[in-house]
Amino acid sequence: MIGFLLYPIGHEFQPENYPLMQEGYISYGNEAVAWVQSFRSDVLDSVFKTISYVADAELLIIIAACIYWIIEKRVGFSLMLLFLFGSYLNLAVKGLLEMPRPSGPEIKQLSLFTGYSLPSAHAQNATTFGLITARTFRNQLFWIFTIILVLSIGLSRVYMGAHYPTDVVLGMLAGIALVATYSYLLRFLESRIAKLSFSKQILIVVTTMTPCFFGAPTPKAAVAVMMLSSFCIGWIFENRYLHSASLGTFKARSLQVLIGITGLGLIVLLGLLLEFLPGHDLLIATALGFWITLGAPSLFLISGIAEHRTLAISS
């Protein structure tokens, strides 16, 4: 497995050599997964399934939306952007490397896993979420909790037979790289973008996302682009015209979460009813993005559980 990573050092990569490298990666990876699974028990199965669920993209998007609505818009914005664009990149890399999932007589997959293995999206998402939130709260105990949680999620993916250990490590490194790149770019671009006109800001989103959409490596990647596009466009509208912010009371925040999640649920339900329509998943993804940044905040203001307040994005 390590040889797969170190082989390019001092060697000129030849495409015809990749199957041999892949074979070595899979062989050592399966041995590692089988060793981890040798400690399996019913209790550990339940524990690691629960831990793994924490980093499911759907749950993290709901959490990011709630953070956007009731805690800190800037953090919610950063998380949502990184989750969706990170998902796009993750799927692109998986399609490029075509690394199969762990398999073999000694390996049991504890759930149905589809798609390719490398890198781990769960590890990438967990690392992204941990870095953004831990940096925001700036609490030593929170940092420790975050590190333990990220490592536990990574271990859970190996234990469940979803990934090889190196998939997890590279997923974590991808999460670190995403956050570092985002923070670096935002430091230079935030003030410049904020000074642009409304139409120019919309144009940036459209011109950036259009090639990503048409170059999407998988249908899921195209869905992520559509949701990211509507999320960003909705944010531009909301940040320019609504400026909604939570009242800060427990009652107001509870109602915001209830209304917001109910809206997300209804949109998903609508998607199930419209499955017969071509491209229904793209429409639903677009609706979800607009609901998070524009629809829900508008409803919060109308119902009196939010107030007008000017805010700006931050890393």
Protein backbone atom coordinates (compact mmCIF):
# COMPACT_ATOMS: atom_id res chain seq x y z
CA MET A 1 0.00 0.00 0.00
CA ILE A 2 2.78 2.39 0.92
CA GLY A 3 4.53 1.35 -2.25
CA PHE A 4 1.56 2.63 -4.24
CA LEU A 5 2.13 6.09 -2.76
CA LEU A 6 5.91 6.09 -2.93
CA TYR A 7 6.37 4.47 -6.33
CA PRO A 8 6.17 7.77 -8.29
CA ILE A 9 9.17 9.07 -6.32
CA GLY A 10 12.20 8.45 -8.49
CA HIS A 11 10.17 6.71 -11.20
CA GLU A 12 8.69 7.99 -14.38
CA PHE A 13 5.02 7.07 -14.21
CA GLN A 14 3.81 4.87 -17.03
CA PRO A 15 0.06 4.34 -17.43
CA GLU A 16 0.61 0.68 -18.22
CA ASN A 17 2.20 0.23 -14.77
CA TYR A 18 -0.87 1.50 -12.91
CA PRO A 19 -2.72 -1.87 -12.80
CA LEU A 20 0.32 -3.41 -11.07
CA MET A 21 0.47 -0.55 -8.56
CA GLN A 22 -3.27 -0.87 -8.01
CA GLU A 23 -2.93 -4.60 -7.42
CA GLY A 24 -0.35 -4.02 -4.69
CA TYR A 25 -2.49 -1.33 -3.09
CA ILE A 26 -5.51 -3.65 -3.01
CA SER A 27 -3.54 -6.63 -1.70
CA TYR A 28 -2.01 -4.83 1.26
CA GLY A 29 -5.21 -2.87 1.83
CA ASN A 30 -7.33 -6.00 2.06
CA GLU A 31 -4.90 -7.48 4.58
CA ALA A 32 -5.20 -4.35 6.72
CA VAL A 33 -9.00 -4.34 6.54
CA ALA A 34 -9.15 -8.05 7.38
CA TRP A 35 -6.92 -7.47 10.42
CA VAL A 36 -9.12 -4.63 11.70
CA GLN A 37 -12.23 -6.74 11.17
CA SER A 38 -10.69 -9.61 13.15
CA PHE A 39 -11.76 -7.63 16.25
CA ARG A 40 -15.40 -7.51 15.14
CA SER A 41 -18.28 -7.97 17.56
CA ASP A 42 -21.98 -7.08 17.55
CA VAL A 43 -21.32 -4.19 19.93
CA LEU A 44 -18.49 -2.77 17.82
CA ASP A 45 -20.61 -3.18 14.68
CA SER A 46 -23.29 -0.94 16.18
CA VAL A 47 -20.77 1.57 17.54
CA PHE A 48 -18.85 2.01 14.29
CA LYS A 49 -22.00 2.15 12.16
CA THR A 50 -23.21 5.02 14.34
CA ILE A 51 -19.85 6.81 14.21
CA SER A 52 -19.71 6.42 10.43
CA TYR A 53 -23.18 7.89 10.04
CA VAL A 54 -21.99 11.12 11.69
CA ALA A 55 -19.93 11.90 8.58
CA ASP A 56 -22.64 11.08 6.03
CA ALA A 57 -22.88 13.96 3.56
CA GLU A 58 -26.65 14.32 4.05
CA LEU A 59 -26.35 14.74 7.82
CA LEU A 60 -23.41 17.15 7.56
CA ILE A 61 -25.33 19.32 5.08
CA ILE A 62 -28.25 19.50 7.54
CA ILE A 63 -25.86 20.44 10.34
CA ALA A 64 -24.17 23.07 8.16
CA ALA A 65 -27.58 24.51 7.25
CA CYS A 66 -28.55 24.75 10.92
CA ILE A 67 -25.27 26.49 11.72
CA TYR A 68 -25.99 28.91 8.85
CA TRP A 69 -29.50 29.65 10.16
CA ILE A 70 -29.02 29.98 13.90
CA ILE A 71 -25.36 30.15 14.92
CA GLU A 72 -22.97 31.76 12.45
CA LYS A 73 -23.66 32.33 8.78
CA ARG A 74 -20.01 32.64 7.88
CA VAL A 75 -19.22 29.21 9.30
CA GLY A 76 -22.30 27.62 7.71
CA PHE A 77 -21.40 29.17 4.35
CA SER A 78 -17.84 27.85 4.52
CA LEU A 79 -18.96 24.36 5.51
CA MET A 80 -21.58 24.10 2.79
CA LEU A 81 -19.25 25.37 0.09
CA LEU A 82 -16.47 22.98 1.12
CA PHE A 83 -18.80 19.98 1.46
CA LEU A 84 -20.34 20.44 -1.98
CA PHE A 85 -17.23 21.42 -3.92
CA GLY A 86 -15.21 18.85 -1.98
CA SER A 87 -17.75 16.19 -2.99
CA TYR A 88 -17.28 17.18 -6.63
CA LEU A 89 -13.50 16.88 -6.39
CA ASN A 90 -13.71 13.64 -4.44
CA LEU A 91 -15.88 12.01 -7.11
CA ALA A 92 -13.55 13.28 -9.83
CA VAL A 93 -10.49 11.74 -8.16
CA LYS A 94 -12.32 8.47 -7.51
CA GLY A 95 -13.30 8.26 -11.16
CA LEU A 96 -9.73 8.95 -12.22
CA LEU A 97 -8.09 6.35 -9.95
CA GLU A 98 -10.88 3.72 -10.18
CA MET A 99 -9.79 2.00 -6.98
CA PRO A 100 -12.29 -0.75 -6.07
CA ARG A 101 -13.71 -1.20 -2.59
CA PRO A 102 -12.17 -3.77 -0.22
CA SER A 103 -13.32 -7.29 -1.00
CA GLY A 104 -12.36 -10.87 -0.34
CA PRO A 105 -13.34 -13.97 1.63
CA GLU A 106 -12.05 -12.50 4.91
CA ILE A 107 -13.74 -9.12 4.47
CA LYS A 108 -17.34 -8.33 5.32
CA GLN A 109 -18.93 -5.08 4.18
CA LEU A 110 -21.30 -3.98 6.93
CA SER A 111 -23.38 -1.89 4.54
CA LEU A 112 -23.97 -1.47 0.82
CA PHE A 113 -21.12 0.62 -0.59
CA THR A 114 -21.16 1.85 -4.16
CA GLY A 115 -18.63 3.66 -6.29
CA TYR A 116 -14.88 3.67 -5.96
CA SER A 117 -12.80 3.71 -2.81
CA LEU A 118 -9.98 6.26 -3.05
CA PRO A 119 -10.10 8.76 -1.35
CA SER A 120 -12.59 8.41 1.51
CA ALA A 121 -15.32 11.06 1.31
CA HIS A 122 -16.33 10.43 4.93
CA ALA A 123 -12.79 11.10 6.15
CA GLN A 124 -12.56 14.17 3.92
CA ASN A 125 -15.90 15.59 5.15
CA ALA A 126 -15.16 14.85 8.80
CA THR A 127 -11.76 16.58 8.57
CA THR A 128 -13.27 19.58 6.79
CA PHE A 129 -16.04 19.91 9.37
CA GLY A 130 -13.63 19.44 12.26
CA LEU A 131 -11.12 22.04 11.05
CA ILE A 132 -13.72 24.73 10.31
CA THR A 133 -15.68 24.31 13.54
CA ALA A 134 -12.69 23.78 15.84
CA ARG A 135 -10.99 26.86 14.43
CA THR A 136 -14.18 28.84 14.98
CA PHE A 137 -14.75 27.85 18.61
CA ARG A 138 -11.03 27.99 19.46
CA ASN A 139 -11.39 25.73 22.49
CA GLN A 140 -8.68 23.21 23.38
CA LEU A 141 -11.19 20.60 24.55
CA PHE A 142 -13.15 21.03 21.33
CA TRP A 143 -9.97 20.49 19.31
CA ILE A 144 -9.27 17.27 21.24
CA PHE A 145 -12.85 16.10 20.73
CA THR A 146 -12.63 16.91 17.01
CA ILE A 147 -9.39 14.96 16.54
CA ILE A 148 -10.81 11.93 18.34
CA LEU A 149 -14.03 12.10 16.30
CA VAL A 150 -12.22 12.40 12.95
CA LEU A 151 -9.92 9.48 13.77
CA SER A 152 -12.88 7.40 14.97
CA ILE A 153 -14.78 8.08 11.74
CA GLY A 154 -11.74 7.08 9.72
CA LEU A 155 -11.37 3.85 11.69
CA SER A 156 -15.09 3.14 11.30
CA ARG A 157 -14.78 3.22 7.50
CA VAL A 158 -12.03 0.61 7.59
CA TYR A 159 -13.86 -1.50 10.17
CA MET A 160 -17.02 -1.49 8.05
CA GLY A 161 -15.11 -2.67 4.97
CA ALA A 162 -15.79 0.53 3.04
CA HIS A 163 -12.19 1.71 2.66
CA TYR A 164 -8.56 0.75 2.88
CA PRO A 165 -6.58 2.60 5.59
CA THR A 166 -4.75 4.70 2.99
CA ASP A 167 -8.09 5.79 1.51
CA VAL A 168 -8.88 7.28 4.91
CA VAL A 169 -5.49 8.95 5.34
CA LEU A 170 -5.66 10.52 1.89
CA GLY A 171 -9.25 11.60 2.55
CA MET A 172 -8.09 13.41 5.68
CA LEU A 173 -5.24 15.05 3.79
CA ALA A 174 -7.71 16.13 1.10
CA GLY A 175 -9.88 17.75 3.79
CA ILE A 176 -6.88 19.60 5.19
CA ALA A 177 -5.86 20.77 1.71
CA LEU A 178 -9.40 21.97 0.96
CA VAL A 179 -9.64 24.05 4.12
CA ALA A 180 -6.13 25.47 3.71
CA THR A 181 -6.74 26.42 0.07
CA TYR A 182 -10.14 27.92 0.83
CA SER A 183 -8.77 30.01 3.70
CA TYR A 184 -5.85 31.23 1.59
CA LEU A 185 -8.04 32.23 -1.37
CA LEU A 186 -10.71 33.82 0.80
CA ARG A 187 -8.15 36.01 2.51
CA PHE A 188 -7.38 37.65 -0.84
CA LEU A 189 -10.73 37.44 -2.61
CA GLU A 190 -13.35 38.20 0.04
CA SER A 191 -13.01 41.98 0.08
CA ARG A 192 -12.68 42.15 -3.71
CA ILE A 193 -15.80 40.07 -4.32
CA ALA A 194 -17.77 42.06 -1.75
CA LYS A 195 -17.08 45.28 -3.71
CA LEU A 196 -18.44 43.87 -6.96
CA SER A 197 -21.93 44.65 -8.18
CA PHE A 198 -24.77 42.20 -7.70
CA SER A 199 -24.74 41.15 -11.37
CA LYS A 200 -20.98 40.58 -11.39
CA GLN A 201 -21.19 38.40 -8.31
CA ILE A 202 -23.87 36.28 -9.98
CA LEU A 203 -21.75 36.15 -13.13
CA ILE A 204 -18.79 34.77 -11.16
CA VAL A 205 -20.93 31.92 -9.84
CA VAL A 206 -22.37 31.11 -13.27
CA THR A 207 -19.06 31.23 -15.15
CA THR A 208 -17.32 29.18 -12.46
CA MET A 209 -19.97 26.51 -12.05
CA THR A 210 -20.95 26.05 -15.73
CA PRO A 211 -17.74 24.28 -16.81
CA CYS A 212 -17.82 22.26 -13.59
CA PHE A 213 -21.35 21.11 -14.41
CA PHE A 214 -20.64 20.10 -18.00
CA GLY A 215 -17.36 18.49 -16.95
CA ALA A 216 -18.91 16.61 -14.02
CA PRO A 217 -17.40 13.11 -13.84
CA THR A 218 -20.59 11.52 -12.47
CA PRO A 219 -24.30 12.41 -12.11
CA LYS A 220 -23.72 12.86 -8.36
CA ALA A 221 -21.02 15.41 -9.09
CA ALA A 222 -23.42 17.33 -11.36
CA VAL A 223 -25.99 17.33 -8.54
CA ALA A 224 -23.38 18.75 -6.14
CA VAL A 225 -22.58 21.54 -8.63
CA MET A 226 -26.25 22.48 -9.04
CA MET A 227 -26.81 22.64 -5.30
CA LEU A 228 -23.62 24.65 -4.80
CA SER A 229 -24.63 27.08 -7.57
CA SER A 230 -28.10 27.73 -6.15
CA PHE A 231 -26.67 27.94 -2.63
CA CYS A 232 -24.20 30.65 -3.68
CA ILE A 233 -26.71 32.59 -5.78
CA GLY A 234 -29.22 32.44 -2.93
CA TRP A 235 -26.57 33.69 -0.54
CA ILE A 236 -25.79 36.65 -2.81
CA PHE A 237 -29.49 37.61 -2.87
CA GLU A 238 -29.89 37.14 0.88
CA ASN A 239 -26.71 38.93 1.81
CA ARG A 240 -27.56 41.91 -0.38
CA TYR A 241 -31.27 42.32 0.31
CA LEU A 242 -32.39 40.37 3.40
CA HIS A 243 -29.51 40.33 5.91
CA SER A 244 -31.45 37.92 8.12
CA ALA A 245 -30.03 36.91 11.49
CA SER A 246 -31.37 34.82 14.34
CA LEU A 247 -32.97 36.68 17.25
CA GLY A 248 -30.79 34.60 19.53
CA THR A 249 -33.54 33.27 21.79
CA PHE A 250 -33.99 29.55 22.34
CA LYS A 251 -37.58 29.71 21.05
CA ALA A 252 -36.62 31.56 17.86
CA ARG A 253 -33.71 29.25 17.11
CA SER A 254 -35.79 26.15 17.76
CA LEU A 255 -38.47 27.39 15.35
CA GLN A 256 -35.86 28.22 12.73
CA VAL A 257 -34.39 24.72 12.91
CA LEU A 258 -37.88 23.17 12.82
CA ILE A 259 -39.00 25.23 9.82
CA GLY A 260 -35.69 24.89 8.01
CA ILE A 261 -35.40 21.12 8.35
CA THR A 262 -39.10 20.67 7.54
CA GLY A 263 -38.52 22.60 4.32
CA LEU A 264 -35.57 20.39 3.43
CA GLY A 265 -37.66 17.31 4.12
CA LEU A 266 -40.52 18.51 1.95
CA ILE A 267 -38.17 19.23 -0.94
CA VAL A 268 -36.65 15.75 -0.66
CA LEU A 269 -40.16 14.27 -0.54
CA LEU A 270 -41.05 16.22 -3.66
CA GLY A 271 -37.99 14.72 -5.32
CA LEU A 272 -39.26 11.22 -4.57
CA LEU A 273 -42.61 12.08 -6.13
CA LEU A 274 -40.93 13.48 -9.24
CA GLU A 275 -38.56 10.58 -9.87
CA PHE A 276 -40.25 9.93 -13.20
CA LEU A 277 -39.03 13.28 -14.56
CA PRO A 278 -35.65 13.39 -16.35
CA GLY A 279 -33.21 15.49 -14.36
CA HIS A 280 -35.43 15.62 -11.28
CA ASP A 281 -32.37 15.22 -9.03
CA LEU A 282 -30.84 18.39 -10.51
CA LEU A 283 -34.06 20.33 -9.87
CA ILE A 284 -34.26 19.11 -6.29
CA ALA A 285 -30.60 19.96 -5.66
CA THR A 286 -31.23 23.47 -6.99
CA ALA A 287 -34.26 23.86 -4.73
CA LEU A 288 -32.32 22.66 -1.68
CA GLY A 289 -29.56 25.21 -2.24
CA PHE A 290 -32.01 28.08 -2.67
CA TRP A 291 -34.04 26.99 0.36
CA ILE A 292 -31.02 27.02 2.68
CA THR A 293 -29.73 30.49 1.79
CA LEU A 294 -32.82 32.30 0.53
CA GLY A 295 -36.12 30.49 1.11
CA ALA A 296 -35.74 29.64 4.79
CA PRO A 297 -34.21 33.01 5.82
CA SER A 298 -37.04 34.83 3.99
CA LEU A 299 -39.62 32.78 5.87
CA PHE A 300 -37.81 33.43 9.15
CA LEU A 301 -38.09 37.19 8.57
CA ILE A 302 -41.73 37.03 7.50
CA SER A 303 -42.66 34.99 10.59
CA GLY A 304 -40.78 37.32 12.93
CA ILE A 305 -38.27 34.78 14.25
CA ALA A 306 -35.32 36.55 12.61
CA GLU A 307 -34.19 40.14 12.21
CA HIS A 308 -32.34 42.22 9.61
CA ARG A 309 -28.61 42.45 10.22
CA THR A 310 -25.72 43.00 7.79
CA LEU A 311 -23.25 40.10 7.74
CA ALA A 312 -20.31 39.08 5.54
CA ILE A 313 -18.66 35.76 4.86
CA SER A 314 -15.41 34.78 6.49
CA SER A 315 -13.13 31.82 6.61
